[in-house]
C-alpha cells in the first residue's frame, strides 16, 4: 500500500511540474507575442489556471516531504502522551479541513460542469476544466493527511526536521 500511496503523491507532483512548464510556456508565448506584434488570446487566463493547478497538485507531495510550515513551539515543549495527543489532534483537524476542501472543490467543479459555467475572459474556458486540478489536488491532500494520521496512530510517523528551515529568515 505504501508504494501505491507514494506513487499517488509523486504522480500529483509530476502533474504539478507539468503545469509549471505549461505556465512557463504561456508566459513565454505572451512575451514573444508582444515582441513580434501578435496576440494569443487567453494566455494570461491559462497561466493563472496552470499556476493554481500546480499549487494544488503539489500540496500532498509537499506535506509528505515535511515541507509545509509547522509551528513547532508548543509541540517541541511537550513530551510523551501530551505530544502524541497534540499531534493526533492537529492531524485530525487537518484531515477534517482537507476533507472539507476536497468536498467543496469537487462540488464546485461539478456545479461548473452542470451549469456550463465559463470564464468571463475572451478565452471562454469552461471553468470545470481548471477546477479539476483543484479538486484532484485537495483530494490527494486528504489522502495524505489520512495517511499521516494513521501513521501517527500506529507510532510509525516520522517528522522530518531539516536544519535548513531553522536558518531561513
C-alpha atoms as a PDB file:
ATOM      1  CA  UNK A   1       0.000   0.000   0.000  1.00  0.00           C
ATOM      2  CA  UNK A   2       2.899   2.361   0.783  1.00  0.00           C
ATOM      3  CA  UNK A   3       4.179   2.097  -2.789  1.00  0.00           C
ATOM      4  CA  UNK A   4       0.783   2.998  -4.243  1.00  0.00           C
ATOM      5  CA  UNK A   5       0.395   5.983  -1.927  1.00  0.00           C
ATOM      6  CA  UNK A   6       3.883   7.246  -2.715  1.00  0.00           C
ATOM      7  CA  UNK A   7       3.148   6.784  -6.425  1.00  0.00           C
ATOM      8  CA  UNK A   8      -0.036   8.836  -5.993  1.00  0.00           C
ATOM      9  CA  UNK A   9       1.835  11.680  -4.265  1.00  0.00           C
ATOM     10  CA  UNK A  10       4.639  11.579  -6.819  1.00  0.00           C
ATOM     11  CA  UNK A  11       2.175  11.455  -9.718  1.00  0.00           C
ATOM     12  CA  UNK A  12       0.414  14.556  -8.431  1.00  0.00           C
ATOM     13  CA  UNK A  13       3.810  16.262  -8.055  1.00  0.00           C
ATOM     14  CA  UNK A  14       4.685  15.390 -11.657  1.00  0.00           C
ATOM     15  CA  UNK A  15       1.387  16.840 -12.825  1.00  0.00           C
ATOM     16  CA  UNK A  16       2.195  19.986 -10.818  1.00  0.00           C
ATOM     17  CA  UNK A  17       5.576  20.146 -12.539  1.00  0.00           C
ATOM     18  CA  UNK A  18       3.921  19.787 -15.945  1.00  0.00           C
ATOM     19  CA  UNK A  19       1.532  22.595 -15.020  1.00  0.00           C
ATOM     20  CA  UNK A  20       4.540  24.762 -14.126  1.00  0.00           C
ATOM     21  CA  UNK A  21       6.070  24.009 -17.517  1.00  0.00           C
ATOM     22  CA  UNK A  22       2.760  24.963 -19.134  1.00  0.00           C
ATOM     23  CA  UNK A  23       2.773  28.170 -17.093  1.00  0.00           C
ATOM     24  CA  UNK A  24       6.265  28.941 -18.378  1.00  0.00           C
ATOM     25  CA  UNK A  25       5.089  28.280 -21.945  1.00  0.00           C
ATOM     26  CA  UNK A  26       2.142  30.665 -21.525  1.00  0.00           C
ATOM     27  CA  UNK A  27       4.348  33.426 -20.124  1.00  0.00           C
ATOM     28  CA  UNK A  28       6.960  32.953 -22.855  1.00  0.00           C
ATOM     29  CA  UNK A  29       4.262  32.924 -25.531  1.00  0.00           C
ATOM     30  CA  UNK A  30       2.886  36.177 -24.171  1.00  0.00           C
ATOM     31  CA  UNK A  31       6.345  37.780 -24.122  1.00  0.00           C
ATOM     32  CA  UNK A  32       7.222  36.598 -27.625  1.00  0.00           C
ATOM     33  CA  UNK A  33       3.825  37.755 -28.861  1.00  0.00           C
ATOM     34  CA  UNK A  34       4.425  41.243 -27.525  1.00  0.00           C
ATOM     35  CA  UNK A  35       7.885  41.385 -29.071  1.00  0.00           C
ATOM     36  CA  UNK A  36       6.710  40.265 -32.514  1.00  0.00           C
ATOM     37  CA  UNK A  37       3.355  42.031 -32.570  1.00  0.00           C
ATOM     38  CA  UNK A  38       0.873  39.170 -32.261  1.00  0.00           C
ATOM     39  CA  UNK A  39      -1.560  38.263 -29.527  1.00  0.00           C
ATOM     40  CA  UNK A  40      -2.641  34.839 -28.375  1.00  0.00           C
ATOM     41  CA  UNK A  41      -5.935  35.353 -26.514  1.00  0.00           C
ATOM     42  CA  UNK A  42      -6.254  33.737 -23.108  1.00  0.00           C
ATOM     43  CA  UNK A  43      -2.571  33.305 -22.257  1.00  0.00           C
ATOM     44  CA  UNK A  44      -2.991  35.284 -19.029  1.00  0.00           C
ATOM     45  CA  UNK A  45      -6.015  33.229 -18.002  1.00  0.00           C
ATOM     46  CA  UNK A  46      -4.333  29.931 -18.856  1.00  0.00           C
ATOM     47  CA  UNK A  47      -1.228  30.984 -16.936  1.00  0.00           C
ATOM     48  CA  UNK A  48      -3.427  31.637 -13.923  1.00  0.00           C
ATOM     49  CA  UNK A  49      -5.204  28.297 -14.259  1.00  0.00           C
ATOM     50  CA  UNK A  50      -1.893  26.474 -14.539  1.00  0.00           C
ATOM     51  CA  UNK A  51      -0.424  28.323 -11.561  1.00  0.00           C
ATOM     52  CA  UNK A  52      -3.387  27.423  -9.368  1.00  0.00           C
ATOM     53  CA  UNK A  53      -3.345  23.838 -10.619  1.00  0.00           C
ATOM     54  CA  UNK A  54       0.350  23.420  -9.887  1.00  0.00           C
ATOM     55  CA  UNK A  55      -0.114  24.753  -6.367  1.00  0.00           C
ATOM     56  CA  UNK A  56      -2.988  22.423  -5.521  1.00  0.00           C
ATOM     57  CA  UNK A  57      -1.436  19.357  -7.150  1.00  0.00           C
ATOM     58  CA  UNK A  58       1.808  19.814  -5.211  1.00  0.00           C
ATOM     59  CA  UNK A  59       0.186  20.028  -1.757  1.00  0.00           C
ATOM     60  CA  UNK A  60       0.281  16.333  -0.841  1.00  0.00           C
ATOM     61  CA  UNK A  61       3.841  15.787  -2.045  1.00  0.00           C
ATOM     62  CA  UNK A  62       4.946  18.841  -0.083  1.00  0.00           C
ATOM     63  CA  UNK A  63       3.222  17.513   3.043  1.00  0.00           C
ATOM     64  CA  UNK A  64       4.802  14.075   2.747  1.00  0.00           C
ATOM     65  CA  UNK A  65       8.274  15.607   2.370  1.00  0.00           C
ATOM     66  CA  UNK A  66       7.789  17.645   5.543  1.00  0.00           C
ATOM     67  CA  UNK A  67       7.943  20.966   3.705  1.00  0.00           C
ATOM     68  CA  UNK A  68       4.709  22.513   4.963  1.00  0.00           C
ATOM     69  CA  UNK A  69       5.090  25.206   7.581  1.00  0.00           C
ATOM     70  CA  UNK A  70       4.720  23.768  11.075  1.00  0.00           C
ATOM     71  CA  UNK A  71       4.505  25.798  14.236  1.00  0.00           C
ATOM     72  CA  UNK A  72       6.546  23.564  16.490  1.00  0.00           C
ATOM     73  CA  UNK A  73       6.998  25.779  19.541  1.00  0.00           C
ATOM     74  CA  UNK A  74       4.263  24.042  21.544  1.00  0.00           C
ATOM     75  CA  UNK A  75       4.824  20.591  20.060  1.00  0.00           C
ATOM     76  CA  UNK A  76       8.521  20.626  20.982  1.00  0.00           C
ATOM     77  CA  UNK A  77       7.709  21.663  24.543  1.00  0.00           C
ATOM     78  CA  UNK A  78       5.564  18.584  25.056  1.00  0.00           C
ATOM     79  CA  UNK A  79       6.695  15.011  25.502  1.00  0.00           C
ATOM     80  CA  UNK A  80       5.143  11.588  25.764  1.00  0.00           C
ATOM     81  CA  UNK A  81       1.385  11.275  25.716  1.00  0.00           C
ATOM     82  CA  UNK A  82       0.755  15.018  25.546  1.00  0.00           C
ATOM     83  CA  UNK A  83       2.969  15.287  22.467  1.00  0.00           C
ATOM     84  CA  UNK A  84       1.219  12.378  20.769  1.00  0.00           C
ATOM     85  CA  UNK A  85      -2.230  13.735  21.693  1.00  0.00           C
ATOM     86  CA  UNK A  86      -1.408  17.134  20.201  1.00  0.00           C
ATOM     87  CA  UNK A  87      -0.048  15.549  17.014  1.00  0.00           C
ATOM     88  CA  UNK A  88      -3.158  13.363  16.639  1.00  0.00           C
ATOM     89  CA  UNK A  89      -5.447  16.345  17.297  1.00  0.00           C
ATOM     90  CA  UNK A  90      -3.589  18.534  14.779  1.00  0.00           C
ATOM     91  CA  UNK A  91      -3.616  15.814  12.130  1.00  0.00           C
ATOM     92  CA  UNK A  92      -7.292  15.129  12.816  1.00  0.00           C
ATOM     93  CA  UNK A  93      -8.184  18.793  12.354  1.00  0.00           C
ATOM     94  CA  UNK A  94      -6.029  18.995   9.215  1.00  0.00           C
ATOM     95  CA  UNK A  95      -7.755  15.887   7.865  1.00  0.00           C
ATOM     96  CA  UNK A  96     -11.150  17.446   8.541  1.00  0.00           C
ATOM     97  CA  UNK A  97     -10.157  20.684   6.786  1.00  0.00           C
ATOM     98  CA  UNK A  98      -8.700  18.746   3.852  1.00  0.00           C
ATOM     99  CA  UNK A  99     -11.927  16.725   3.597  1.00  0.00           C
ATOM    100  CA  UNK A 100     -13.995  19.905   3.524  1.00  0.00           C
ATOM    101  CA  UNK A 101     -11.695  21.426   0.905  1.00  0.00           C
ATOM    102  CA  UNK A 102     -11.849  18.293  -1.233  1.00  0.00           C
ATOM    103  CA  UNK A 103     -15.634  18.079  -0.958  1.00  0.00           C
ATOM    104  CA  UNK A 104     -16.271  21.703  -1.831  1.00  0.00           C
ATOM    105  CA  UNK A 105     -13.643  21.773  -4.583  1.00  0.00           C
ATOM    106  CA  UNK A 106     -15.180  18.726  -6.244  1.00  0.00           C
ATOM    107  CA  UNK A 107     -18.646  20.172  -5.752  1.00  0.00           C
ATOM    108  CA  UNK A 108     -17.585  23.461  -7.352  1.00  0.00           C
ATOM    109  CA  UNK A 109     -16.118  21.686 -10.381  1.00  0.00           C
ATOM    110  CA  UNK A 110     -19.259  19.554 -10.731  1.00  0.00           C
ATOM    111  CA  UNK A 111     -21.553  22.564 -10.478  1.00  0.00           C
ATOM    112  CA  UNK A 112     -19.482  24.473 -13.024  1.00  0.00           C
ATOM    113  CA  UNK A 113     -19.812  21.495 -15.350  1.00  0.00           C
ATOM    114  CA  UNK A 114     -23.561  21.150 -14.809  1.00  0.00           C
ATOM    115  CA  UNK A 115     -24.295  24.850 -15.276  1.00  0.00           C
ATOM    116  CA  UNK A 116     -21.910  25.208 -18.241  1.00  0.00           C
ATOM    117  CA  UNK A 117     -20.053  27.949 -16.370  1.00  0.00           C
ATOM    118  CA  UNK A 118     -17.392  29.652 -18.494  1.00  0.00           C
ATOM    119  CA  UNK A 119     -14.712  32.204 -17.728  1.00  0.00           C
ATOM    120  CA  UNK A 120     -15.527  35.857 -18.313  1.00  0.00           C
ATOM    121  CA  UNK A 121     -12.331  36.415 -20.295  1.00  0.00           C
ATOM    122  CA  UNK A 122     -12.075  36.277 -24.066  1.00  0.00           C
ATOM    123  CA  UNK A 123     -10.948  32.634 -23.863  1.00  0.00           C
ATOM    124  CA  UNK A 124     -14.406  31.481 -22.596  1.00  0.00           C
ATOM    125  CA  UNK A 125     -12.898  28.383 -20.990  1.00  0.00           C
ATOM    126  CA  UNK A 126     -15.338  26.017 -19.294  1.00  0.00           C
ATOM    127  CA  UNK A 127     -14.415  26.593 -15.646  1.00  0.00           C
ATOM    128  CA  UNK A 128     -14.725  22.967 -14.609  1.00  0.00           C
ATOM    129  CA  UNK A 129     -11.552  22.182 -16.571  1.00  0.00           C
ATOM    130  CA  UNK A 130      -9.148  24.231 -14.425  1.00  0.00           C
ATOM    131  CA  UNK A 131     -11.193  23.438 -11.313  1.00  0.00           C
ATOM    132  CA  UNK A 132     -10.456  19.736 -11.740  1.00  0.00           C
ATOM    133  CA  UNK A 133      -6.830  20.335 -10.739  1.00  0.00           C
ATOM    134  CA  UNK A 134      -8.002  21.976  -7.520  1.00  0.00           C
ATOM    135  CA  UNK A 135     -10.397  19.125  -6.781  1.00  0.00           C
ATOM    136  CA  UNK A 136      -7.813  16.433  -7.509  1.00  0.00           C
ATOM    137  CA  UNK A 137      -5.122  18.264  -5.548  1.00  0.00           C
ATOM    138  CA  UNK A 138      -7.291  18.640  -2.455  1.00  0.00           C
ATOM    139  CA  UNK A 139      -8.426  15.007  -2.714  1.00  0.00           C
ATOM    140  CA  UNK A 140      -4.830  13.779  -2.836  1.00  0.00           C
ATOM    141  CA  UNK A 141      -4.027  16.090   0.094  1.00  0.00           C
ATOM    142  CA  UNK A 142      -6.884  14.478   2.035  1.00  0.00           C
ATOM    143  CA  UNK A 143      -5.423  11.040   1.323  1.00  0.00           C
ATOM    144  CA  UNK A 144      -2.013  12.277   2.501  1.00  0.00           C
ATOM    145  CA  UNK A 145      -3.430  13.637   5.772  1.00  0.00           C
ATOM    146  CA  UNK A 146      -5.322  10.401   6.426  1.00  0.00           C
ATOM    147  CA  UNK A 147      -2.053   8.564   5.711  1.00  0.00           C
ATOM    148  CA  UNK A 148      -0.175  10.794   8.197  1.00  0.00           C
ATOM    149  CA  UNK A 149      -2.889  10.346  10.830  1.00  0.00           C
ATOM    150  CA  UNK A 150      -2.838   6.555  10.501  1.00  0.00           C
ATOM    151  CA  UNK A 151       0.964   6.528  10.697  1.00  0.00           C
ATOM    152  CA  UNK A 152       0.840   8.714  13.825  1.00  0.00           C
ATOM    153  CA  UNK A 153      -1.742   6.469  15.490  1.00  0.00           C
ATOM    154  CA  UNK A 154       0.411   3.415  14.707  1.00  0.00           C
ATOM    155  CA  UNK A 155       3.534   5.123  16.007  1.00  0.00           C
ATOM    156  CA  UNK A 156       5.219   4.866  12.597  1.00  0.00           C
ATOM    157  CA  UNK A 157       5.175   8.550  11.602  1.00  0.00           C
ATOM    158  CA  UNK A 158       8.500  10.248  11.089  1.00  0.00           C
ATOM    159  CA  UNK A 159       8.517  14.038  11.249  1.00  0.00           C
ATOM    160  CA  UNK A 160      11.352  15.496   9.227  1.00  0.00           C
ATOM    161  CA  UNK A 161      13.345  18.211  10.908  1.00  0.00           C
ATOM    162  CA  UNK A 162      15.632  19.844   8.392  1.00  0.00           C
ATOM    163  CA  UNK A 163      18.178  22.323   9.679  1.00  0.00           C
ATOM    164  CA  UNK A 164      17.643  24.456   6.583  1.00  0.00           C
ATOM    165  CA  UNK A 165      14.256  25.637   7.842  1.00  0.00           C
ATOM    166  CA  UNK A 166      15.881  26.843  11.053  1.00  0.00           C
ATOM    167  CA  UNK A 167      18.280  29.108   9.155  1.00  0.00           C
ATOM    168  CA  UNK A 168      15.725  30.929   6.997  1.00  0.00           C
ATOM    169  CA  UNK A 169      14.872  34.477   7.920  1.00  0.00           C
END
